[in-house]
């Protein structure tokens, strides 16, 4: 078991506030060891869900903070690393006679313009711009 896997396994038993603190430290680290931990966390869906929850809490915590942009960028990078990457979708076998045939839906659409009544010419009063009064004595 690698160090990253031991860290991920230890996170499974941590209470939420302590997990958030650990995640905060690792988000801030942004090194190769941190990336190894994120890949180990990604392998366990339960731990990954708890860490995603902690990341969401961190995002909310840093809203309005002076370093908000930096933290949101770091948290976004971690969330991308935690995203499950499926190589191929499972192929479902189905028989042609079991699939109901769908009717094609063809709908023509043309935007309708409601006729508008022209506005009267004198709706708004004319604007008169004046020079400010001079204050020279």
Protein backbone atom coordinates (compact mmCIF):
# COMPACT_ATOMS: atom_id res chain seq x y z
CA UNK A 1 0.00 0.00 0.00
CA UNK A 2 1.46 3.34 -1.06
CA UNK A 3 1.54 6.42 1.12
CA UNK A 4 -1.21 8.01 -0.97
CA UNK A 5 -3.44 4.97 -0.49
CA UNK A 6 -2.80 5.01 3.28
CA UNK A 7 -3.79 8.69 3.41
CA UNK A 8 -6.96 8.00 1.42
CA UNK A 9 -7.83 5.05 3.70
CA UNK A 10 -7.27 7.19 6.80
CA UNK A 11 -9.62 9.85 5.43
CA UNK A 12 -12.46 7.31 5.41
CA UNK A 13 -12.64 7.37 9.21
CA UNK A 14 -12.12 11.11 9.79
CA UNK A 15 -15.00 13.31 10.90
CA UNK A 16 -16.08 15.97 8.40
CA UNK A 17 -14.29 18.99 9.99
CA UNK A 18 -10.97 17.14 10.21
CA UNK A 19 -11.37 15.83 6.67
CA UNK A 20 -11.98 19.37 5.46
CA UNK A 21 -8.78 20.52 7.19
CA UNK A 22 -6.77 17.69 5.60
CA UNK A 23 -8.25 18.39 2.18
CA UNK A 24 -7.48 22.12 2.57
CA UNK A 25 -3.82 21.34 3.30
CA UNK A 26 -3.54 19.01 0.33
CA UNK A 27 -5.32 21.42 -2.04
CA UNK A 28 -2.83 24.08 -1.04
CA UNK A 29 0.16 21.71 -1.48
CA UNK A 30 -0.43 21.07 -5.22
CA UNK A 31 2.58 18.77 -5.60
CA UNK A 32 3.19 15.26 -6.96
CA UNK A 33 2.32 13.67 -3.62
CA UNK A 34 -1.01 15.51 -3.61
CA UNK A 35 -1.80 14.31 -7.13
CA UNK A 36 -1.06 10.75 -6.03
CA UNK A 37 -3.49 11.13 -3.13
CA UNK A 38 -6.20 12.50 -5.44
CA UNK A 39 -5.79 9.50 -7.77
CA UNK A 40 -6.00 7.14 -4.77
CA UNK A 41 -9.12 8.95 -3.56
CA UNK A 42 -10.66 8.71 -7.04
CA UNK A 43 -10.45 4.90 -6.85
CA UNK A 44 -12.78 4.70 -3.82
CA UNK A 45 -16.20 6.19 -4.61
CA UNK A 46 -17.16 6.66 -0.94
CA UNK A 47 -14.04 8.59 -0.04
CA UNK A 48 -14.24 10.52 -3.32
CA UNK A 49 -17.80 11.62 -2.48
CA UNK A 50 -16.74 12.79 1.00
CA UNK A 51 -13.79 14.70 -0.47
CA UNK A 52 -16.02 16.32 -3.11
CA UNK A 53 -18.28 17.43 -0.26
CA UNK A 54 -15.29 18.88 1.59
CA UNK A 55 -14.22 20.68 -1.58
CA UNK A 56 -17.69 22.17 -1.96
CA UNK A 57 -17.45 23.38 1.63
CA UNK A 58 -14.06 24.93 0.92
CA UNK A 59 -15.47 26.71 -2.13
CA UNK A 60 -18.20 28.20 0.00
CA UNK A 61 -15.73 29.10 2.73
CA UNK A 62 -13.47 31.04 0.39
CA UNK A 63 -16.27 33.02 -1.33
CA UNK A 64 -15.57 36.67 -0.73
CA UNK A 65 -12.09 35.96 0.61
CA UNK A 66 -9.27 38.09 -0.72
CA UNK A 67 -7.65 34.96 -2.22
CA UNK A 68 -10.91 33.60 -3.60
CA UNK A 69 -9.76 33.36 -7.24
CA UNK A 70 -6.66 31.39 -6.32
CA UNK A 71 -8.53 28.95 -4.08
CA UNK A 72 -11.33 28.45 -6.59
CA UNK A 73 -8.74 27.65 -9.25
CA UNK A 74 -6.97 25.13 -7.00
CA UNK A 75 -10.24 23.52 -5.93
CA UNK A 76 -11.36 23.31 -9.56
CA UNK A 77 -8.14 21.53 -10.50
CA UNK A 78 -8.65 19.00 -7.71
CA UNK A 79 -12.26 18.45 -8.77
CA UNK A 80 -11.05 17.72 -12.30
CA UNK A 81 -8.54 15.21 -10.93
CA UNK A 82 -11.30 13.51 -8.94
CA UNK A 83 -13.61 13.25 -11.93
CA UNK A 84 -14.15 9.66 -12.86
CA UNK A 85 -12.70 8.91 -16.27
CA UNK A 86 -14.57 6.10 -17.92
CA UNK A 87 -12.71 4.53 -20.81
CA UNK A 88 -15.73 3.07 -22.58
CA UNK A 89 -19.45 2.95 -22.01
CA UNK A 90 -20.89 -0.51 -21.38
CA UNK A 91 -22.42 -2.04 -24.48
CA UNK A 92 -25.98 -3.19 -24.03
CA UNK A 93 -27.16 -5.99 -26.22
CA UNK A 94 -30.61 -5.47 -27.61
CA UNK A 95 -32.62 -7.11 -30.27
CA UNK A 96 -34.09 -5.08 -33.07
CA UNK A 97 -37.57 -6.53 -32.58
CA UNK A 98 -37.56 -5.47 -28.89
CA UNK A 99 -36.97 -1.79 -29.62
CA UNK A 100 -40.20 0.10 -30.26
CA UNK A 101 -40.20 2.11 -33.42
CA UNK A 102 -40.42 5.83 -32.85
CA UNK A 103 -42.25 8.19 -35.12
CA UNK A 104 -40.16 10.98 -36.54
CA UNK A 105 -41.09 14.36 -35.18
CA UNK A 106 -41.07 17.14 -37.73
CA UNK A 107 -42.10 20.54 -36.61
CA UNK A 108 -41.87 23.68 -38.61
CA UNK A 109 -41.31 26.79 -36.62
CA UNK A 110 -41.50 30.35 -37.71
CA UNK A 111 -41.23 33.20 -35.26
CA UNK A 112 -44.36 35.25 -34.95
CA UNK A 113 -44.13 38.94 -34.58
CA UNK A 114 -46.99 40.60 -32.87
CA UNK A 115 -47.98 43.81 -34.63
CA UNK A 116 -46.97 46.74 -32.49
CA UNK A 117 -48.68 50.07 -32.51
CA UNK A 118 -46.39 53.00 -33.27
CA UNK A 119 -45.67 55.28 -30.34
CA UNK A 120 -46.89 58.84 -30.52
CA UNK A 121 -44.20 61.35 -31.39
CA UNK A 122 -44.64 63.42 -28.23
CA UNK A 123 -44.35 60.61 -25.67
CA UNK A 124 -41.28 61.98 -23.93
CA UNK A 125 -40.61 65.63 -23.25
CA UNK A 126 -37.64 67.11 -25.08
CA UNK A 127 -34.44 67.32 -23.07
CA UNK A 128 -32.84 70.72 -22.74
CA UNK A 129 -29.19 70.89 -21.73
CA UNK A 130 -28.03 74.10 -20.13
CA UNK A 131 -24.66 75.39 -19.20
CA UNK A 132 -24.09 75.68 -15.49
CA UNK A 133 -24.28 79.19 -14.17
CA UNK A 134 -20.87 80.76 -13.88
CA UNK A 135 -19.64 81.33 -10.37
CA UNK A 136 -17.07 84.00 -11.31
CA UNK A 137 -17.44 87.25 -9.47
